[in-house]
């Protein structure tokens, strides 16, 4: 199975299905309880596609250049940008679109939380501290650990910093919408992991055994591949939820207000300090 054949069967076709459902929902003028709808969702998906291309390209090139991933030359076109075949860039663009459309599909159909949102900084502080410790551990393993930790540690070294920012901004918002967040991550993460088994079986791509932990599902699917699909969908889901939730817009507005007021507060503090200084 060629790489483009894989993309057509398992990403393009589901995307077309969800586009048709989205069109139907828009025709019925279905609203998103608690979230912005319509053009705002398309903008959010577009932003995530751009971020996926910009942020993933150096990381992906490193993986291919160091042999963590490699591709069957007979099953790709041979067109490469850097070290990475064009099919791979197409993959993470299509994955982002598919995950964004799946999130949109779920928001229309899952009932909103019954409880009213109440800001709570405790999950923000706990989750970001835990994530920071996890990032430090796997950063150490990436630079100084054995070769078997390479793929696992570089996934977390790469993915945790943006997740850290997302949680720092709105871990309490994500917890409020935890049902939506869970299903938005779990279903595409599981789906893509299972489809990965077919690609590995067909040798569309392969994973270096010496640079993985050796933990395999169904005797072929590396733990690291499962983590990759779940963590990329976590990035997309967290981003879509935080960009489009009404409570996020209110928090953005508060941050902007504080930023605009900062120069004035700084000027007043300086004036108070000057008044306290003894005169000569």
C-alpha atoms as a PDB file:
ATOM      1  CA  UNK A   1       0.000   0.000   0.000  1.00  0.00           C
ATOM      2  CA  UNK A   2       1.528   3.313  -1.080  1.00  0.00           C
ATOM      3  CA  UNK A   3       1.684   6.191   1.395  1.00  0.00           C
ATOM      4  CA  UNK A   4      -0.746   8.262  -0.682  1.00  0.00           C
ATOM      5  CA  UNK A   5      -2.998   5.197  -0.875  1.00  0.00           C
ATOM      6  CA  UNK A   6      -2.989   5.047   2.915  1.00  0.00           C
ATOM      7  CA  UNK A   7      -3.841   8.750   3.144  1.00  0.00           C
ATOM      8  CA  UNK A   8      -6.700   8.415   0.673  1.00  0.00           C
ATOM      9  CA  UNK A   9      -8.294   5.409   2.373  1.00  0.00           C
ATOM     10  CA  UNK A  10      -7.904   6.347   6.016  1.00  0.00           C
ATOM     11  CA  UNK A  11      -7.797  10.149   6.139  1.00  0.00           C
ATOM     12  CA  UNK A  12      -9.249  11.713   2.987  1.00  0.00           C
ATOM     13  CA  UNK A  13     -12.398   9.550   2.918  1.00  0.00           C
ATOM     14  CA  UNK A  14     -13.248  10.183   6.623  1.00  0.00           C
ATOM     15  CA  UNK A  15     -12.588  13.900   6.077  1.00  0.00           C
ATOM     16  CA  UNK A  16     -15.065  13.947   3.180  1.00  0.00           C
ATOM     17  CA  UNK A  17     -17.640  12.178   5.355  1.00  0.00           C
ATOM     18  CA  UNK A  18     -17.240  14.703   8.173  1.00  0.00           C
ATOM     19  CA  UNK A  19     -17.333  17.607   5.703  1.00  0.00           C
ATOM     20  CA  UNK A  20     -20.704  16.336   4.486  1.00  0.00           C
ATOM     21  CA  UNK A  21     -21.955  16.042   8.072  1.00  0.00           C
ATOM     22  CA  UNK A  22     -20.650  19.526   8.861  1.00  0.00           C
ATOM     23  CA  UNK A  23     -22.441  20.929   5.819  1.00  0.00           C
ATOM     24  CA  UNK A  24     -25.658  19.238   6.988  1.00  0.00           C
ATOM     25  CA  UNK A  25     -25.252  20.651  10.500  1.00  0.00           C
ATOM     26  CA  UNK A  26     -24.661  24.145   9.124  1.00  0.00           C
ATOM     27  CA  UNK A  27     -27.713  23.886   6.882  1.00  0.00           C
ATOM     28  CA  UNK A  28     -29.778  23.063   9.956  1.00  0.00           C
ATOM     29  CA  UNK A  29     -28.140  26.047  11.703  1.00  0.00           C
ATOM     30  CA  UNK A  30     -27.050  23.914  14.647  1.00  0.00           C
ATOM     31  CA  UNK A  31     -25.414  26.001  17.353  1.00  0.00           C
ATOM     32  CA  UNK A  32     -22.485  24.994  19.547  1.00  0.00           C
ATOM     33  CA  UNK A  33     -23.436  25.383  23.211  1.00  0.00           C
ATOM     34  CA  UNK A  34     -20.569  27.163  24.946  1.00  0.00           C
ATOM     35  CA  UNK A  35     -18.481  27.570  21.774  1.00  0.00           C
ATOM     36  CA  UNK A  36     -18.147  29.825  18.758  1.00  0.00           C
ATOM     37  CA  UNK A  37     -19.407  28.290  15.522  1.00  0.00           C
ATOM     38  CA  UNK A  38     -19.081  28.623  11.749  1.00  0.00           C
ATOM     39  CA  UNK A  39     -16.171  30.640  10.399  1.00  0.00           C
ATOM     40  CA  UNK A  40     -14.450  30.698  13.805  1.00  0.00           C
ATOM     41  CA  UNK A  41     -14.133  26.886  13.737  1.00  0.00           C
ATOM     42  CA  UNK A  42     -12.677  26.913  10.214  1.00  0.00           C
ATOM     43  CA  UNK A  43     -10.202  29.573  11.338  1.00  0.00           C
ATOM     44  CA  UNK A  44      -9.211  27.462  14.348  1.00  0.00           C
ATOM     45  CA  UNK A  45      -8.644  24.409  12.125  1.00  0.00           C
ATOM     46  CA  UNK A  46      -6.574  26.543   9.731  1.00  0.00           C
ATOM     47  CA  UNK A  47      -4.466  27.877  12.605  1.00  0.00           C
ATOM     48  CA  UNK A  48      -3.786  24.338  13.800  1.00  0.00           C
ATOM     49  CA  UNK A  49      -2.822  23.196  10.292  1.00  0.00           C
ATOM     50  CA  UNK A  50      -0.317  26.069  10.075  1.00  0.00           C
ATOM     51  CA  UNK A  51       1.080  25.292  13.531  1.00  0.00           C
ATOM     52  CA  UNK A  52       1.314  21.591  12.665  1.00  0.00           C
ATOM     53  CA  UNK A  53       3.399  22.348   9.574  1.00  0.00           C
ATOM     54  CA  UNK A  54       5.673  24.903  11.263  1.00  0.00           C
ATOM     55  CA  UNK A  55       6.202  23.085  14.564  1.00  0.00           C
ATOM     56  CA  UNK A  56       6.342  19.494  13.303  1.00  0.00           C
ATOM     57  CA  UNK A  57       8.641  19.967  10.286  1.00  0.00           C
ATOM     58  CA  UNK A  58      11.991  20.270  12.157  1.00  0.00           C
ATOM     59  CA  UNK A  59      11.057  17.437  14.539  1.00  0.00           C
ATOM     60  CA  UNK A  60       9.930  15.169  11.687  1.00  0.00           C
ATOM     61  CA  UNK A  61      13.091  15.874   9.710  1.00  0.00           C
ATOM     62  CA  UNK A  62      15.227  14.957  12.713  1.00  0.00           C
ATOM     63  CA  UNK A  63      13.398  11.636  13.128  1.00  0.00           C
ATOM     64  CA  UNK A  64      13.852  10.679   9.486  1.00  0.00           C
ATOM     65  CA  UNK A  65      17.462  11.925   9.332  1.00  0.00           C
ATOM     66  CA  UNK A  66      18.413   9.804  12.368  1.00  0.00           C
ATOM     67  CA  UNK A  67      16.535   6.721  11.168  1.00  0.00           C
ATOM     68  CA  UNK A  68      13.849   6.612  13.862  1.00  0.00           C
ATOM     69  CA  UNK A  69      11.305   6.525  11.032  1.00  0.00           C
ATOM     70  CA  UNK A  70      12.018   5.342   7.513  1.00  0.00           C
ATOM     71  CA  UNK A  71       9.922   4.725   4.421  1.00  0.00           C
ATOM     72  CA  UNK A  72       9.751   2.064   1.759  1.00  0.00           C
ATOM     73  CA  UNK A  73      11.157   3.882  -1.309  1.00  0.00           C
ATOM     74  CA  UNK A  74       8.855   1.867  -3.577  1.00  0.00           C
ATOM     75  CA  UNK A  75       5.745   3.134  -1.741  1.00  0.00           C
ATOM     76  CA  UNK A  76       6.456   6.881  -1.756  1.00  0.00           C
ATOM     77  CA  UNK A  77       6.765   9.303  -4.656  1.00  0.00           C
ATOM     78  CA  UNK A  78      10.356  10.251  -3.877  1.00  0.00           C
ATOM     79  CA  UNK A  79       9.487  13.941  -3.535  1.00  0.00           C
ATOM     80  CA  UNK A  80      11.112  15.179  -0.324  1.00  0.00           C
ATOM     81  CA  UNK A  81      11.414  18.456   1.545  1.00  0.00           C
ATOM     82  CA  UNK A  82      14.514  18.198   3.680  1.00  0.00           C
ATOM     83  CA  UNK A  83      14.624  14.537   4.676  1.00  0.00           C
ATOM     84  CA  UNK A  84      10.870  13.988   4.758  1.00  0.00           C
ATOM     85  CA  UNK A  85       8.699  12.724   1.868  1.00  0.00           C
ATOM     86  CA  UNK A  86       5.864  14.960   0.739  1.00  0.00           C
ATOM     87  CA  UNK A  87       3.398  12.302   1.894  1.00  0.00           C
ATOM     88  CA  UNK A  88       4.462  12.833   5.504  1.00  0.00           C
ATOM     89  CA  UNK A  89       3.726  16.561   5.367  1.00  0.00           C
ATOM     90  CA  UNK A  90       0.382  15.716   3.814  1.00  0.00           C
ATOM     91  CA  UNK A  91      -0.272  13.299   6.669  1.00  0.00           C
ATOM     92  CA  UNK A  92       0.028  15.767   9.505  1.00  0.00           C
ATOM     93  CA  UNK A  93      -2.038  18.346   7.602  1.00  0.00           C
ATOM     94  CA  UNK A  94      -4.804  15.790   6.992  1.00  0.00           C
ATOM     95  CA  UNK A  95      -4.637  14.461  10.560  1.00  0.00           C
ATOM     96  CA  UNK A  96      -5.171  17.996  11.878  1.00  0.00           C
ATOM     97  CA  UNK A  97      -8.168  18.565   9.597  1.00  0.00           C
ATOM     98  CA  UNK A  98      -9.696  15.192  10.484  1.00  0.00           C
ATOM     99  CA  UNK A  99      -9.256  15.746  14.225  1.00  0.00           C
ATOM    100  CA  UNK A 100     -10.652  19.276  13.981  1.00  0.00           C
ATOM    101  CA  UNK A 101     -13.734  18.072  12.108  1.00  0.00           C
ATOM    102  CA  UNK A 102     -14.210  15.238  14.596  1.00  0.00           C
ATOM    103  CA  UNK A 103     -14.093  17.796  17.449  1.00  0.00           C
ATOM    104  CA  UNK A 104     -16.709  19.901  15.608  1.00  0.00           C
ATOM    105  CA  UNK A 105     -18.893  16.828  15.082  1.00  0.00           C
ATOM    106  CA  UNK A 106     -18.765  15.983  18.798  1.00  0.00           C
ATOM    107  CA  UNK A 107     -19.563  19.498  20.015  1.00  0.00           C
ATOM    108  CA  UNK A 108     -22.820  19.355  18.060  1.00  0.00           C
ATOM    109  CA  UNK A 109     -23.809  16.059  19.661  1.00  0.00           C
ATOM    110  CA  UNK A 110     -22.485  15.896  23.215  1.00  0.00           C
ATOM    111  CA  UNK A 111     -24.606  17.563  25.848  1.00  0.00           C
ATOM    112  CA  UNK A 112     -22.824  20.512  27.497  1.00  0.00           C
ATOM    113  CA  UNK A 113     -21.661  20.260  31.134  1.00  0.00           C
ATOM    114  CA  UNK A 114     -24.490  20.659  33.615  1.00  0.00           C
ATOM    115  CA  UNK A 115     -22.449  22.641  36.114  1.00  0.00           C
ATOM    116  CA  UNK A 116     -21.598  26.278  35.484  1.00  0.00           C
ATOM    117  CA  UNK A 117     -17.933  26.968  34.749  1.00  0.00           C
ATOM    118  CA  UNK A 118     -16.030  28.270  37.751  1.00  0.00           C
ATOM    119  CA  UNK A 119     -12.380  29.350  37.342  1.00  0.00           C
ATOM    120  CA  UNK A 120     -10.057  27.189  39.413  1.00  0.00           C
ATOM    121  CA  UNK A 121      -6.284  27.643  39.327  1.00  0.00           C
ATOM    122  CA  UNK A 122      -5.521  24.453  41.296  1.00  0.00           C
ATOM    123  CA  UNK A 123      -5.731  22.097  38.242  1.00  0.00           C
ATOM    124  CA  UNK A 124      -3.697  24.676  36.310  1.00  0.00           C
ATOM    125  CA  UNK A 125      -0.847  24.672  38.834  1.00  0.00           C
ATOM    126  CA  UNK A 126      -0.914  20.910  39.439  1.00  0.00           C
ATOM    127  CA  UNK A 127      -0.999  19.906  35.766  1.00  0.00           C
ATOM    128  CA  UNK A 128       1.701  22.352  34.689  1.00  0.00           C
ATOM    129  CA  UNK A 129       4.036  21.351  37.538  1.00  0.00           C
ATOM    130  CA  UNK A 130       3.565  17.662  36.739  1.00  0.00           C
ATOM    131  CA  UNK A 131       4.145  18.303  33.047  1.00  0.00           C
ATOM    132  CA  UNK A 132       7.283  20.344  33.720  1.00  0.00           C
ATOM    133  CA  UNK A 133       8.766  17.473  35.767  1.00  0.00           C
ATOM    134  CA  UNK A 134       7.833  14.972  33.044  1.00  0.00           C
ATOM    135  CA  UNK A 135       9.440  17.159  30.390  1.00  0.00           C
ATOM    136  CA  UNK A 136      12.671  17.467  32.403  1.00  0.00           C
ATOM    137  CA  UNK A 137      12.828  13.685  32.853  1.00  0.00           C
ATOM    138  CA  UNK A 138      12.378  12.879  29.174  1.00  0.00           C
ATOM    139  CA  UNK A 139      14.646  15.716  28.083  1.00  0.00           C
ATOM    140  CA  UNK A 140      17.385  14.091  30.162  1.00  0.00           C
ATOM    141  CA  UNK A 141      16.625  10.688  28.609  1.00  0.00           C
ATOM    142  CA  UNK A 142      16.678  12.179  25.120  1.00  0.00           C
ATOM    143  CA  UNK A 143      20.129  13.710  25.541  1.00  0.00           C
ATOM    144  CA  UNK A 144      21.765  11.223  27.921  1.00  0.00           C
ATOM    145  CA  UNK A 145      19.633   8.050  27.960  1.00  0.00           C
ATOM    146  CA  UNK A 146      20.093   4.790  26.080  1.00  0.00           C
ATOM    147  CA  UNK A 147      19.168   4.558  22.404  1.00  0.00           C
ATOM    148  CA  UNK A 148      15.964   2.656  23.215  1.00  0.00           C
ATOM    149  CA  UNK A 149      14.511   5.819  24.798  1.00  0.00           C
ATOM    150  CA  UNK A 150      15.088   7.957  21.678  1.00  0.00           C
ATOM    151  CA  UNK A 151      11.647   7.857  20.035  1.00  0.00           C
ATOM    152  CA  UNK A 152       9.669   8.000  23.290  1.00  0.00           C
ATOM    153  CA  UNK A 153      11.721  10.826  24.781  1.00  0.00           C
ATOM    154  CA  UNK A 154      11.770  12.957  21.634  1.00  0.00           C
ATOM    155  CA  UNK A 155       7.973  12.758  21.327  1.00  0.00           C
ATOM    156  CA  UNK A 156       7.571  14.143  24.842  1.00  0.00           C
ATOM    157  CA  UNK A 157      10.477  16.589  24.478  1.00  0.00           C
ATOM    158  CA  UNK A 158       8.701  18.002  21.400  1.00  0.00           C
ATOM    159  CA  UNK A 159       5.029  17.800  22.427  1.00  0.00           C
ATOM    160  CA  UNK A 160       4.998  18.776  26.107  1.00  0.00           C
ATOM    161  CA  UNK A 161       6.039  22.475  25.821  1.00  0.00           C
ATOM    162  CA  UNK A 162       2.936  23.533  23.795  1.00  0.00           C
ATOM    163  CA  UNK A 163       0.718  21.372  26.022  1.00  0.00           C
ATOM    164  CA  UNK A 164       2.315  23.102  29.015  1.00  0.00           C
ATOM    165  CA  UNK A 165       1.230  26.488  27.579  1.00  0.00           C
ATOM    166  CA  UNK A 166      -2.288  25.198  26.900  1.00  0.00           C
ATOM    167  CA  UNK A 167      -2.677  23.892  30.451  1.00  0.00           C
ATOM    168  CA  UNK A 168      -1.195  27.016  31.973  1.00  0.00           C
ATOM    169  CA  UNK A 169      -3.834  29.060  30.185  1.00  0.00           C
ATOM    170  CA  UNK A 170      -6.860  26.844  30.665  1.00  0.00           C
ATOM    171  CA  UNK A 171      -6.481  23.508  32.451  1.00  0.00           C
ATOM    172  CA  UNK A 172      -9.643  24.346  34.382  1.00  0.00           C
ATOM    173  CA  UNK A 173     -11.507  25.062  31.116  1.00  0.00           C
ATOM    174  CA  UNK A 174     -10.368  21.730  29.669  1.00  0.00           C
ATOM    175  CA  UNK A 175     -11.483  19.955  32.845  1.00  0.00           C
ATOM    176  CA  UNK A 176     -14.875  21.660  32.611  1.00  0.00           C
ATOM    177  CA  UNK A 177     -15.266  20.202  29.091  1.00  0.00           C
ATOM    178  CA  UNK A 178     -13.544  16.935  30.034  1.00  0.00           C
ATOM    179  CA  UNK A 179     -16.145  14.689  28.345  1.00  0.00           C
ATOM    180  CA  UNK A 180     -15.691  16.482  25.029  1.00  0.00           C
ATOM    181  CA  UNK A 181     -11.907  16.526  25.484  1.00  0.00           C
ATOM    182  CA  UNK A 182     -11.719  12.809  26.287  1.00  0.00           C
ATOM    183  CA  UNK A 183     -13.725  11.602  23.283  1.00  0.00           C
ATOM    184  CA  UNK A 184     -12.047  14.105  20.956  1.00  0.00           C
ATOM    185  CA  UNK A 185      -8.667  12.600  21.842  1.00  0.00           C
ATOM    186  CA  UNK A 186      -9.543   8.938  22.391  1.00  0.00           C
ATOM    187  CA  UNK A 187     -11.412   8.095  19.178  1.00  0.00           C
ATOM    188  CA  UNK A 188      -8.992   9.545  16.572  1.00  0.00           C
ATOM    189  CA  UNK A 189      -5.999   8.418  18.673  1.00  0.00           C
ATOM    190  CA  UNK A 190      -7.302   4.844  18.713  1.00  0.00           C
ATOM    191  CA  UNK A 191      -8.389   4.948  15.057  1.00  0.00           C
ATOM    192  CA  UNK A 192      -5.019   6.184  13.780  1.00  0.00           C
ATOM    193  CA  UNK A 193      -3.135   3.718  15.992  1.00  0.00           C
ATOM    194  CA  UNK A 194      -5.103   0.814  14.518  1.00  0.00           C
ATOM    195  CA  UNK A 195      -4.613   2.121  10.984  1.00  0.00           C
ATOM    196  CA  UNK A 196      -0.894   2.364  11.747  1.00  0.00           C
ATOM    197  CA  UNK A 197      -0.842  -1.416  12.177  1.00  0.00           C
ATOM    198  CA  UNK A 198      -1.873  -1.762   8.528  1.00  0.00           C
ATOM    199  CA  UNK A 199       0.807   0.680   7.379  1.00  0.00           C
ATOM    200  CA  UNK A 200       3.492  -1.133   9.384  1.00  0.00           C
ATOM    201  CA  UNK A 201       2.305  -4.514   8.076  1.00  0.00           C
ATOM    202  CA  UNK A 202       2.421  -3.233   4.499  1.00  0.00           C
ATOM    203  CA  UNK A 203       5.852  -1.606   5.184  1.00  0.00           C
ATOM    204  CA  UNK A 204       4.492   1.764   4.060  1.00  0.00           C
ATOM    205  CA  UNK A 205       6.728   3.059   6.847  1.00  0.00           C
ATOM    206  CA  UNK A 206       8.843   1.370   9.498  1.00  0.00           C
ATOM    207  CA  UNK A 207      10.090   2.195  12.992  1.00  0.00           C
ATOM    208  CA  UNK A 208      13.633   1.577  14.191  1.00  0.00           C
ATOM    209  CA  UNK A 209      13.596  -1.279  16.758  1.00  0.00           C
ATOM    210  CA  UNK A 210      16.873  -0.087  18.292  1.00  0.00           C
ATOM    211  CA  UNK A 211      15.456   3.384  19.044  1.00  0.00           C
ATOM    212  CA  UNK A 212      12.212   2.241  20.683  1.00  0.00           C
ATOM    213  CA  UNK A 213      11.462   0.610  24.027  1.00  0.00           C
ATOM    214  CA  UNK A 214      10.364  -2.668  22.423  1.00  0.00           C
ATOM    215  CA  UNK A 215       6.874  -2.478  23.924  1.00  0.00           C
ATOM    216  CA  UNK A 216       4.590  -3.664  21.092  1.00  0.00           C
ATOM    217  CA  UNK A 217       0.815  -3.932  20.797  1.00  0.00           C
ATOM    218  CA  UNK A 218      -0.456  -6.847  18.706  1.00  0.00           C
ATOM    219  CA  UNK A 219       3.170  -7.791  18.158  1.00  0.00           C
ATOM    220  CA  UNK A 220       3.803  -4.933  15.699  1.00  0.00           C
ATOM    221  CA  UNK A 221       2.582  -1.532  16.951  1.00  0.00           C
ATOM    222  CA  UNK A 222       5.214   0.276  19.068  1.00  0.00           C
ATOM    223  CA  UNK A 223       4.118   2.054  22.234  1.00  0.00           C
ATOM    224  CA  UNK A 224       5.701   5.208  20.847  1.00  0.00           C
ATOM    225  CA  UNK A 225       3.416   5.228  17.802  1.00  0.00           C
ATOM    226  CA  UNK A 226       0.339   5.002  20.023  1.00  0.00           C
ATOM    227  CA  UNK A 227       1.680   7.843  22.174  1.00  0.00           C
ATOM    228  CA  UNK A 228       2.359   9.921  19.061  1.00  0.00           C
ATOM    229  CA  UNK A 229      -1.212   9.652  17.774  1.00  0.00           C
ATOM    230  CA  UNK A 230      -2.773  10.325  21.156  1.00  0.00           C
ATOM    231  CA  UNK A 231      -0.521  13.242  22.010  1.00  0.00           C
ATOM    232  CA  UNK A 232      -0.974  14.943  18.623  1.00  0.00           C
ATOM    233  CA  UNK A 233      -4.733  14.674  19.023  1.00  0.00           C
ATOM    234  CA  UNK A 234      -4.348  16.065  22.535  1.00  0.00           C
ATOM    235  CA  UNK A 235      -2.594  19.124  21.079  1.00  0.00           C
ATOM    236  CA  UNK A 236      -5.371  19.642  18.536  1.00  0.00           C
ATOM    237  CA  UNK A 237      -8.226  19.023  20.980  1.00  0.00           C
ATOM    238  CA  UNK A 238      -6.796  21.285  23.681  1.00  0.00           C
ATOM    239  CA  UNK A 239      -6.184  24.004  21.103  1.00  0.00           C
ATOM    240  CA  UNK A 240      -9.637  23.811  19.498  1.00  0.00           C
ATOM    241  CA  UNK A 241     -11.378  23.823  22.873  1.00  0.00           C
ATOM    242  CA  UNK A 242      -9.389  26.731  24.265  1.00  0.00           C
ATOM    243  CA  UNK A 243      -9.610  28.822  21.099  1.00  0.00           C
ATOM    244  CA  UNK A 244     -13.355  28.449  20.684  1.00  0.00           C
ATOM    245  CA  UNK A 245     -14.857  28.214  24.192  1.00  0.00           C
ATOM    246  CA  UNK A 246     -16.728  31.351  25.269  1.00  0.00           C
ATOM    247  CA  UNK A 247     -15.099  31.192  28.698  1.00  0.00           C
ATOM    248  CA  UNK A 248     -11.699  31.255  26.971  1.00  0.00           C
ATOM    249  CA  UNK A 249     -12.693  34.432  25.131  1.00  0.00           C
ATOM    250  CA  UNK A 250     -13.539  36.035  28.458  1.00  0.00           C
ATOM    251  CA  UNK A 251     -10.143  34.994  29.843  1.00  0.00           C
ATOM    252  CA  UNK A 252      -8.375  36.338  26.747  1.00  0.00           C
ATOM    253  CA  UNK A 253     -10.204  39.624  27.242  1.00  0.00           C
ATOM    254  CA  UNK A 254      -9.096  39.791  30.886  1.00  0.00           C
ATOM    255  CA  UNK A 255      -5.473  39.151  29.902  1.00  0.00           C
ATOM    256  CA  UNK A 256      -5.629  41.877  27.264  1.00  0.00           C
ATOM    257  CA  UNK A 257      -7.107  44.295  29.767  1.00  0.00           C
ATOM    258  CA  UNK A 258      -4.316  43.574  32.236  1.00  0.00           C
ATOM    259  CA  UNK A 259      -1.657  43.996  29.553  1.00  0.00           C
ATOM    260  CA  UNK A 260      -3.087  47.344  28.487  1.00  0.00           C
ATOM    261  CA  UNK A 261      -3.280  48.505  32.089  1.00  0.00           C
ATOM    262  CA  UNK A 262       0.276  47.385  32.888  1.00  0.00           C
ATOM    263  CA  UNK A 263       2.099  50.562  31.720  1.00  0.00           C
ATOM    264  CA  UNK A 264      -0.249  52.711  33.822  1.00  0.00           C
ATOM    265  CA  UNK A 265       0.253  50.514  36.901  1.00  0.00           C
ATOM    266  CA  UNK A 266       4.005  50.641  36.377  1.00  0.00           C
ATOM    267  CA  UNK A 267       3.918  54.441  36.111  1.00  0.00           C
ATOM    268  CA  UNK A 268       1.932  54.732  39.349  1.00  0.00           C
ATOM    269  CA  UNK A 269       4.324  52.423  41.213  1.00  0.00           C
ATOM    270  CA  UNK A 270       7.241  54.534  40.012  1.00  0.00           C
ATOM    271  CA  UNK A 271       5.514  57.703  41.200  1.00  0.00           C
ATOM    272  CA  UNK A 272       4.906  56.161  44.638  1.00  0.00           C
ATOM    273  CA  UNK A 273       8.556  55.092  44.880  1.00  0.00           C
ATOM    274  CA  UNK A 274       9.694  58.589  43.895  1.00  0.00           C
ATOM    275  CA  UNK A 275       7.487  60.128  46.575  1.00  0.00           C
ATOM    276  CA  UNK A 276       9.021  57.901  49.225  1.00  0.00           C
ATOM    277  CA  UNK A 277      12.597  58.858  48.271  1.00  0.00           C
ATOM    278  CA  UNK A 278      14.167  61.379  50.702  1.00  0.00           C
ATOM    279  CA  UNK A 279      14.770  64.795  49.187  1.00  0.00           C
ATOM    280  CA  UNK A 280      18.247  66.381  49.293  1.00  0.00           C
END
